[in-house]
Amino acid sequence: MEITATKARDQLGRLIDRAHSEPVYLTRHNRRVGAIVDVDTLDRLLEAAEELEDIAAYDAAKAEGGESVTLDELRRELGL
């Protein structure tokens, strides 16, 4: 669903309810400028993005040929 940001102000409660089943895109001058999404969906997306960042960092470190350490060694090094 798409709605202008101006119209969204008047219908915020209804749009939040609608966002439980699908994202609601806010537009300004026929361009998407924001979205209302269900909080559970947002949490899952943020967790997935963090996981992808971790995977990319791991791949980059591995490509550099860095030395491997065990988890116990890392904990000792970090003082944990």
PDB file of N, CA and C in Angstrom:
ATOM      1  N   MET A   1       0.847  -1.179   0.000  1.00  0.00           N
ATOM      2  CA  MET A   1       0.000   0.000   0.000  1.00  0.00           C
ATOM      3  C   MET A   1       0.884   1.230   0.000  1.00  0.00           C
ATOM      4  N   GLU A   2       0.489   2.234  -0.719  1.00  0.00           N
ATOM      5  CA  GLU A   2       1.175   3.524  -0.719  1.00  0.00           C
ATOM      6  C   GLU A   2       0.185   4.620  -0.378  1.00  0.00           C
ATOM      7  N   ILE A   3       0.654   5.604   0.371  1.00  0.00           N
ATOM      8  CA  ILE A   3      -0.183   6.734   0.762  1.00  0.00           C
ATOM      9  C   ILE A   3       0.724   7.952   0.900  1.00  0.00           C
ATOM     10  N   THR A   4       0.207   9.119   0.590  1.00  0.00           N
ATOM     11  CA  THR A   4       1.024  10.314   0.751  1.00  0.00           C
ATOM     12  C   THR A   4       1.251  10.588   2.231  1.00  0.00           C
ATOM     13  N   ALA A   5       2.382  11.197   2.542  1.00  0.00           N
ATOM     14  CA  ALA A   5       2.712  11.509   3.935  1.00  0.00           C
ATOM     15  C   ALA A   5       1.647  12.419   4.539  1.00  0.00           C
ATOM     16  N   THR A   6       1.110  13.329   3.753  1.00  0.00           N
ATOM     17  CA  THR A   6       0.083  14.248   4.245  1.00  0.00           C
ATOM     18  C   THR A   6      -1.173  13.489   4.668  1.00  0.00           C
ATOM     19  N   LYS A   7      -1.644  12.563   3.832  1.00  0.00           N
ATOM     20  CA  LYS A   7      -2.833  11.780   4.163  1.00  0.00           C
ATOM     21  C   LYS A   7      -2.559  10.839   5.336  1.00  0.00           C
ATOM     22  N   ALA A   8      -1.333  10.373   5.456  1.00  0.00           N
ATOM     23  CA  ALA A   8      -0.987   9.432   6.525  1.00  0.00           C
ATOM     24  C   ALA A   8      -1.173  10.051   7.905  1.00  0.00           C
ATOM     25  N   ARG A   9      -0.921  11.344   8.021  1.00  0.00           N
ATOM     26  CA  ARG A   9      -1.078  12.019   9.311  1.00  0.00           C
ATOM     27  C   ARG A   9      -2.490  11.831   9.869  1.00  0.00           C
ATOM     28  N   ASP A  10      -3.469  11.905   8.986  1.00  0.00           N
ATOM     29  CA  ASP A  10      -4.865  11.798   9.412  1.00  0.00           C
ATOM     30  C   ASP A  10      -5.305  10.360   9.672  1.00  0.00           C
ATOM     31  N   GLN A  11      -4.541   9.386   9.199  1.00  0.00           N
ATOM     32  CA  GLN A  11      -4.966   7.990   9.271  1.00  0.00           C
ATOM     33  C   GLN A  11      -3.953   7.102   9.989  1.00  0.00           C
ATOM     34  N   LEU A  12      -3.116   7.666  10.837  1.00  0.00           N
ATOM     35  CA  LEU A  12      -2.005   6.933  11.419  1.00  0.00           C
ATOM     36  C   LEU A  12      -2.450   5.652  12.130  1.00  0.00           C
ATOM     37  N   GLY A  13      -3.470   5.702  12.941  1.00  0.00           N
ATOM     38  CA  GLY A  13      -3.937   4.512  13.645  1.00  0.00           C
ATOM     39  C   GLY A  13      -4.309   3.382  12.709  1.00  0.00           C
ATOM     40  N   ARG A  14      -5.058   3.700  11.670  1.00  0.00           N
ATOM     41  CA  ARG A  14      -5.472   2.694  10.679  1.00  0.00           C
ATOM     42  C   ARG A  14      -4.264   2.141   9.943  1.00  0.00           C
ATOM     43  N   LEU A  15      -3.293   3.008   9.639  1.00  0.00           N
ATOM     44  CA  LEU A  15      -2.107   2.564   8.905  1.00  0.00           C
ATOM     45  C   LEU A  15      -1.242   1.640   9.751  1.00  0.00           C
ATOM     46  N   ILE A  16      -1.157   1.924  11.049  1.00  0.00           N
ATOM     47  CA  ILE A  16      -0.407   1.037  11.946  1.00  0.00           C
ATOM     48  C   ILE A  16      -1.065  -0.337  11.962  1.00  0.00           C
ATOM     49  N   ASP A  17      -2.391  -0.374  12.026  1.00  0.00           N
ATOM     50  CA  ASP A  17      -3.100  -1.656  11.980  1.00  0.00           C
ATOM     51  C   ASP A  17      -2.825  -2.381  10.661  1.00  0.00           C
ATOM     52  N   ARG A  18      -2.830  -1.648   9.570  1.00  0.00           N
ATOM     53  CA  ARG A  18      -2.594  -2.241   8.239  1.00  0.00           C
ATOM     54  C   ARG A  18      -1.180  -2.793   8.134  1.00  0.00           C
ATOM     55  N   ALA A  19      -0.231  -2.144   8.804  1.00  0.00           N
ATOM     56  CA  ALA A  19       1.172  -2.545   8.734  1.00  0.00           C
ATOM     57  C   ALA A  19       1.415  -3.913   9.361  1.00  0.00           C
ATOM     58  N   HIS A  20       0.470  -4.408  10.144  1.00  0.00           N
ATOM     59  CA  HIS A  20       0.615  -5.756  10.702  1.00  0.00           C
ATOM     60  C   HIS A  20       0.564  -6.818   9.610  1.00  0.00           C
ATOM     61  N   SER A  21      -0.054  -6.494   8.480  1.00  0.00           N
ATOM     62  CA  SER A  21      -0.173  -7.486   7.410  1.00  0.00           C
ATOM     63  C   SER A  21       0.660  -7.157   6.173  1.00  0.00           C
ATOM     64  N   GLU A  22       1.041  -5.887   6.004  1.00  0.00           N
ATOM     65  CA  GLU A  22       1.865  -5.505   4.855  1.00  0.00           C
ATOM     66  C   GLU A  22       2.503  -4.151   5.127  1.00  0.00           C
ATOM     67  N   PRO A  23       3.669  -3.896   4.541  1.00  0.00           N
ATOM     68  CA  PRO A  23       4.286  -2.577   4.723  1.00  0.00           C
ATOM     69  C   PRO A  23       3.403  -1.485   4.107  1.00  0.00           C
ATOM     70  N   VAL A  24       3.401  -0.329   4.731  1.00  0.00           N
ATOM     71  CA  VAL A  24       2.688   0.834   4.205  1.00  0.00           C
ATOM     72  C   VAL A  24       3.750   1.859   3.827  1.00  0.00           C
ATOM     73  N   TYR A  25       3.848   2.175   2.554  1.00  0.00           N
ATOM     74  CA  TYR A  25       4.853   3.117   2.067  1.00  0.00           C
ATOM     75  C   TYR A  25       4.284   4.531   2.053  1.00  0.00           C
ATOM     76  N   LEU A  26       5.058   5.463   2.591  1.00  0.00           N
ATOM     77  CA  LEU A  26       4.672   6.868   2.590  1.00  0.00           C
ATOM     78  C   LEU A  26       5.354   7.546   1.412  1.00  0.00           C
ATOM     79  N   THR A  27       4.586   8.344   0.685  1.00  0.00           N
ATOM     80  CA  THR A  27       5.146   9.001  -0.496  1.00  0.00           C
ATOM     81  C   THR A  27       5.045  10.517  -0.371  1.00  0.00           C
ATOM     82  N   ARG A  28       5.949  11.165  -1.058  1.00  0.00           N
ATOM     83  CA  ARG A  28       5.920  12.620  -1.186  1.00  0.00           C
ATOM     84  C   ARG A  28       6.346  12.919  -2.621  1.00  0.00           C
ATOM     85  N   HIS A  29       5.527  13.633  -3.338  1.00  0.00           N
ATOM     86  CA  HIS A  29       5.794  13.942  -4.753  1.00  0.00           C
ATOM     87  C   HIS A  29       6.021  12.656  -5.549  1.00  0.00           C
ATOM     88  N   ASN A  30       5.161  11.657  -5.294  1.00  0.00           N
ATOM     89  CA  ASN A  30       5.197  10.364  -5.989  1.00  0.00           C
ATOM     90  C   ASN A  30       6.505   9.596  -5.782  1.00  0.00           C
ATOM     91  N   ARG A  31       7.217   9.877  -4.708  1.00  0.00           N
ATOM     92  CA  ARG A  31       8.466   9.189  -4.381  1.00  0.00           C
ATOM     93  C   ARG A  31       8.341   8.592  -2.982  1.00  0.00           C
ATOM     94  N   ARG A  32       8.741   7.344  -2.806  1.00  0.00           N
ATOM     95  CA  ARG A  32       8.705   6.731  -1.478  1.00  0.00           C
ATOM     96  C   ARG A  32       9.703   7.431  -0.560  1.00  0.00           C
ATOM     97  N   VAL A  33       9.223   7.850   0.601  1.00  0.00           N
ATOM     98  CA  VAL A  33      10.093   8.566   1.541  1.00  0.00           C
ATOM     99  C   VAL A  33      10.132   7.896   2.919  1.00  0.00           C
ATOM    100  N   GLY A  34       9.304   6.914   3.135  1.00  0.00           N
ATOM    101  CA  GLY A  34       9.271   6.228   4.420  1.00  0.00           C
ATOM    102  C   GLY A  34       8.352   5.035   4.353  1.00  0.00           C
ATOM    103  N   ALA A  35       8.311   4.310   5.480  1.00  0.00           N
ATOM    104  CA  ALA A  35       7.443   3.141   5.526  1.00  0.00           C
ATOM    105  C   ALA A  35       7.023   2.887   6.967  1.00  0.00           C
ATOM    106  N   ILE A  36       5.864   2.305   7.105  1.00  0.00           N
ATOM    107  CA  ILE A  36       5.385   1.821   8.397  1.00  0.00           C
ATOM    108  C   ILE A  36       5.374   0.308   8.288  1.00  0.00           C
ATOM    109  N   VAL A  37       6.119  -0.350   9.182  1.00  0.00           N
ATOM    110  CA  VAL A  37       6.168  -1.810   9.186  1.00  0.00           C
ATOM    111  C   VAL A  37       5.892  -2.317  10.588  1.00  0.00           C
ATOM    112  N   ASP A  38       5.417  -3.529  10.665  1.00  0.00           N
ATOM    113  CA  ASP A  38       5.177  -4.189  11.935  1.00  0.00           C
ATOM    114  C   ASP A  38       6.508  -4.316  12.681  1.00  0.00           C
ATOM    115  N   VAL A  39       6.497  -4.099  13.986  1.00  0.00           N
ATOM    116  CA  VAL A  39       7.730  -4.108  14.776  1.00  0.00           C
ATOM    117  C   VAL A  39       8.420  -5.470  14.732  1.00  0.00           C
ATOM    118  N   ASP A  40       7.678  -6.561  14.694  1.00  0.00           N
ATOM    119  CA  ASP A  40       8.301  -7.884  14.606  1.00  0.00           C
ATOM    120  C   ASP A  40       9.039  -8.048  13.284  1.00  0.00           C
ATOM    121  N   THR A  41       8.457  -7.543  12.211  1.00  0.00           N
ATOM    122  CA  THR A  41       9.113  -7.580  10.909  1.00  0.00           C
ATOM    123  C   THR A  41      10.388  -6.752  10.936  1.00  0.00           C
ATOM    124  N   LEU A  42      10.320  -5.570  11.513  1.00  0.00           N
ATOM    125  CA  LEU A  42      11.500  -4.716  11.608  1.00  0.00           C
ATOM    126  C   LEU A  42      12.599  -5.395  12.411  1.00  0.00           C
ATOM    127  N   ASP A  43      12.252  -5.994  13.544  1.00  0.00           N
ATOM    128  CA  ASP A  43      13.245  -6.695  14.364  1.00  0.00           C
ATOM    129  C   ASP A  43      13.923  -7.813  13.575  1.00  0.00           C
ATOM    130  N   ARG A  44      13.130  -8.594  12.831  1.00  0.00           N
ATOM    131  CA  ARG A  44      13.711  -9.676  12.022  1.00  0.00           C
ATOM    132  C   ARG A  44      14.634  -9.126  10.947  1.00  0.00           C
ATOM    133  N   LEU A  45      14.246  -8.040  10.312  1.00  0.00           N
ATOM    134  CA  LEU A  45      15.087  -7.432   9.273  1.00  0.00           C
ATOM    135  C   LEU A  45      16.394  -6.904   9.845  1.00  0.00           C
ATOM    136  N   LEU A  46      16.321  -6.263  11.017  1.00  0.00           N
ATOM    137  CA  LEU A  46      17.535  -5.737  11.640  1.00  0.00           C
ATOM    138  C   LEU A  46      18.471  -6.864  12.067  1.00  0.00           C
ATOM    139  N   GLU A  47      17.911  -7.944  12.609  1.00  0.00           N
ATOM    140  CA  GLU A  47      18.737  -9.099  12.982  1.00  0.00           C
ATOM    141  C   GLU A  47      19.391  -9.720  11.755  1.00  0.00           C
ATOM    142  N   ALA A  48      18.648  -9.835  10.668  1.00  0.00           N
ATOM    143  CA  ALA A  48      19.199 -10.409   9.437  1.00  0.00           C
ATOM    144  C   ALA A  48      20.306  -9.516   8.879  1.00  0.00           C
ATOM    145  N   ALA A  49      20.109  -8.208   8.929  1.00  0.00           N
ATOM    146  CA  ALA A  49      21.130  -7.277   8.439  1.00  0.00           C
ATOM    147  C   ALA A  49      22.402  -7.389   9.277  1.00  0.00           C
ATOM    148  N   GLU A  50      22.241  -7.512  10.598  1.00  0.00           N
ATOM    149  CA  GLU A  50      23.406  -7.656  11.478  1.00  0.00           C
ATOM    150  C   GLU A  50      24.146  -8.957  11.176  1.00  0.00           C
ATOM    151  N   GLU A  51      23.398 -10.020  10.960  1.00  0.00           N
ATOM    152  CA  GLU A  51      24.008 -11.309  10.619  1.00  0.00           C
ATOM    153  C   GLU A  51      24.788 -11.206   9.316  1.00  0.00           C
ATOM    154  N   LEU A  52      24.223 -10.541   8.325  1.00  0.00           N
ATOM    155  CA  LEU A  52      24.922 -10.364   7.049  1.00  0.00           C
ATOM    156  C   LEU A  52      26.193  -9.543   7.217  1.00  0.00           C
ATOM    157  N   GLU A  53      26.157  -8.525   8.070  1.00  0.00           N
ATOM    158  CA  GLU A  53      27.355  -7.732   8.344  1.00  0.00           C
ATOM    159  C   GLU A  53      28.429  -8.596   8.997  1.00  0.00           C
ATOM    160  N   ASP A  54      28.020  -9.456   9.932  1.00  0.00           N
ATOM    161  CA  ASP A  54      28.969 -10.356  10.592  1.00  0.00           C
ATOM    162  C   ASP A  54      29.597 -11.319   9.589  1.00  0.00           C
ATOM    163  N   ILE A  55      28.785 -11.852   8.701  1.00  0.00           N
ATOM    164  CA  ILE A  55      29.292 -12.774   7.679  1.00  0.00           C
ATOM    165  C   ILE A  55      30.278 -12.055   6.760  1.00  0.00           C
ATOM    166  N   ALA A  56      29.941 -10.839   6.357  1.00  0.00           N
ATOM    167  CA  ALA A  56      30.834 -10.067   5.486  1.00  0.00           C
ATOM    168  C   ALA A  56      32.149  -9.763   6.195  1.00  0.00           C
ATOM    169  N   ALA A  57      32.090  -9.421   7.482  1.00  0.00           N
ATOM    170  CA  ALA A  57      33.313  -9.140   8.241  1.00  0.00           C
ATOM    171  C   ALA A  57      34.163 -10.398   8.362  1.00  0.00           C
ATOM    172  N   TYR A  58      33.528 -11.531   8.605  1.00  0.00           N
ATOM    173  CA  TYR A  58      34.245 -12.799   8.686  1.00  0.00           C
ATOM    174  C   TYR A  58      34.923 -13.112   7.352  1.00  0.00           C
ATOM    175  N   ASP A  59      34.174 -12.978   6.260  1.00  0.00           N
ATOM    176  CA  ASP A  59      34.737 -13.251   4.937  1.00  0.00           C
ATOM    177  C   ASP A  59      35.914 -12.339   4.630  1.00  0.00           C
ATOM    178  N   ALA A  60      35.795 -11.048   5.007  1.00  0.00           N
ATOM    179  CA  ALA A  60      36.883 -10.096   4.755  1.00  0.00           C
ATOM    180  C   ALA A  60      38.119 -10.466   5.578  1.00  0.00           C
ATOM    181  N   ALA A  61      37.911 -10.843   6.844  1.00  0.00           N
ATOM    182  CA  ALA A  61      39.041 -11.223   7.696  1.00  0.00           C
ATOM    183  C   ALA A  61      39.708 -12.489   7.173  1.00  0.00           C
ATOM    184  N   LYS A  62      38.900 -13.426   6.738  1.00  0.00           N
ATOM    185  CA  LYS A  62      39.447 -14.680   6.207  1.00  0.00           C
ATOM    186  C   LYS A  62      40.238 -14.419   4.924  1.00  0.00           C
ATOM    187  N   ALA A  63      39.747 -13.512   4.089  1.00  0.00           N
ATOM    188  CA  ALA A  63      40.434 -13.185   2.837  1.00  0.00           C
ATOM    189  C   ALA A  63      41.784 -12.517   3.096  1.00  0.00           C
ATOM    190  N   GLU A  64      41.898 -11.811   4.220  1.00  0.00           N
ATOM    191  CA  GLU A  64      43.168 -11.170   4.574  1.00  0.00           C
ATOM    192  C   GLU A  64      44.190 -12.188   5.053  1.00  0.00           C
ATOM    193  N   GLY A  65      43.730 -13.400   5.320  1.00  0.00           N
ATOM    194  CA  GLY A  65      44.646 -14.441   5.766  1.00  0.00           C
ATOM    195  C   GLY A  65      45.086 -14.268   7.200  1.00  0.00           C
ATOM    196  N   GLY A  66      44.238 -13.646   8.008  1.00  0.00           N
ATOM    197  CA  GLY A  66      44.562 -13.427   9.413  1.00  0.00           C
ATOM    198  C   GLY A  66      44.733 -14.727  10.164  1.00  0.00           C
ATOM    199  N   GLU A  67      45.416 -14.634  11.291  1.00  0.00           N
ATOM    200  CA  GLU A  67      45.693 -15.820  12.108  1.00  0.00           C
ATOM    201  C   GLU A  67      44.435 -16.218  12.878  1.00  0.00           C
ATOM    202  N   SER A  68      44.205 -17.506  12.999  1.00  0.00           N
ATOM    203  CA  SER A  68      43.043 -18.023  13.726  1.00  0.00           C
ATOM    204  C   SER A  68      43.336 -18.082  15.217  1.00  0.00           C
ATOM    205  N   VAL A  69      42.315 -17.822  16.016  1.00  0.00           N
ATOM    206  CA  VAL A  69      42.421 -17.954  17.472  1.00  0.00           C
ATOM    207  C   VAL A  69      41.202 -18.708  17.968  1.00  0.00           C
ATOM    208  N   THR A  70      41.356 -19.376  19.086  1.00  0.00           N
ATOM    209  CA  THR A  70      40.214 -20.070  19.679  1.00  0.00           C
ATOM    210  C   THR A  70      39.372 -19.059  20.447  1.00  0.00           C
ATOM    211  N   LEU A  71      38.164 -19.468  20.799  1.00  0.00           N
ATOM    212  CA  LEU A  71      37.290 -18.606  21.572  1.00  0.00           C
ATOM    213  C   LEU A  71      37.902 -18.305  22.934  1.00  0.00           C
ATOM    214  N   ASP A  72      38.526 -19.299  23.552  1.00  0.00           N
ATOM    215  CA  ASP A  72      39.166 -19.084  24.860  1.00  0.00           C
ATOM    216  C   ASP A  72      40.318 -18.077  24.748  1.00  0.00           C
ATOM    217  N   GLU A  73      41.080 -18.162  23.671  1.00  0.00           N
ATOM    218  CA  GLU A  73      42.177 -17.202  23.472  1.00  0.00           C
ATOM    219  C   GLU A  73      41.630 -15.789  23.301  1.00  0.00           C
ATOM    220  N   LEU A  74      40.564 -15.674  22.561  1.00  0.00           N
ATOM    221  CA  LEU A  74      39.952 -14.371  22.349  1.00  0.00           C
ATOM    222  C   LEU A  74      39.434 -13.799  23.664  1.00  0.00           C
ATOM    223  N   ARG A  75      38.776 -14.635  24.452  1.00  0.00           N
ATOM    224  CA  ARG A  75      38.270 -14.176  25.751  1.00  0.00           C
ATOM    225  C   ARG A  75      39.412 -13.687  26.638  1.00  0.00           C
ATOM    226  N   ARG A  76      40.523 -14.442  26.675  1.00  0.00           N
ATOM    227  CA  ARG A  76      41.669 -14.024  27.483  1.00  0.00           C
ATOM    228  C   ARG A  76      42.213 -12.686  26.987  1.00  0.00           C
ATOM    229  N   GLU A  77      42.324 -12.561  25.688  1.00  0.00           N
ATOM    230  CA  GLU A  77      42.851 -11.329  25.093  1.00  0.00           C
ATOM    231  C   GLU A  77      41.972 -10.128  25.425  1.00  0.00           C
ATOM    232  N   LEU A  78      40.663 -10.351  25.468  1.00  0.00           N
ATOM    233  CA  LEU A  78      39.726  -9.274  25.771  1.00  0.00           C
ATOM    234  C   LEU A  78      39.475  -9.100  27.261  1.00  0.00           C
ATOM    235  N   GLY A  79      40.054  -9.979  28.056  1.00  0.00           N
ATOM    236  CA  GLY A  79      39.885  -9.883  29.507  1.00  0.00           C
ATOM    237  C   GLY A  79      38.516 -10.303  29.980  1.00  0.00           C
ATOM    238  N   LEU A  80      37.912 -11.235  29.294  1.00  0.00           N
ATOM    239  CA  LEU A  80      36.563 -11.704  29.663  1.00  0.00           C
ATOM    240  C   LEU A  80      36.627 -12.998  30.463  1.00  0.00           C
TER     241      LEU A  80
END
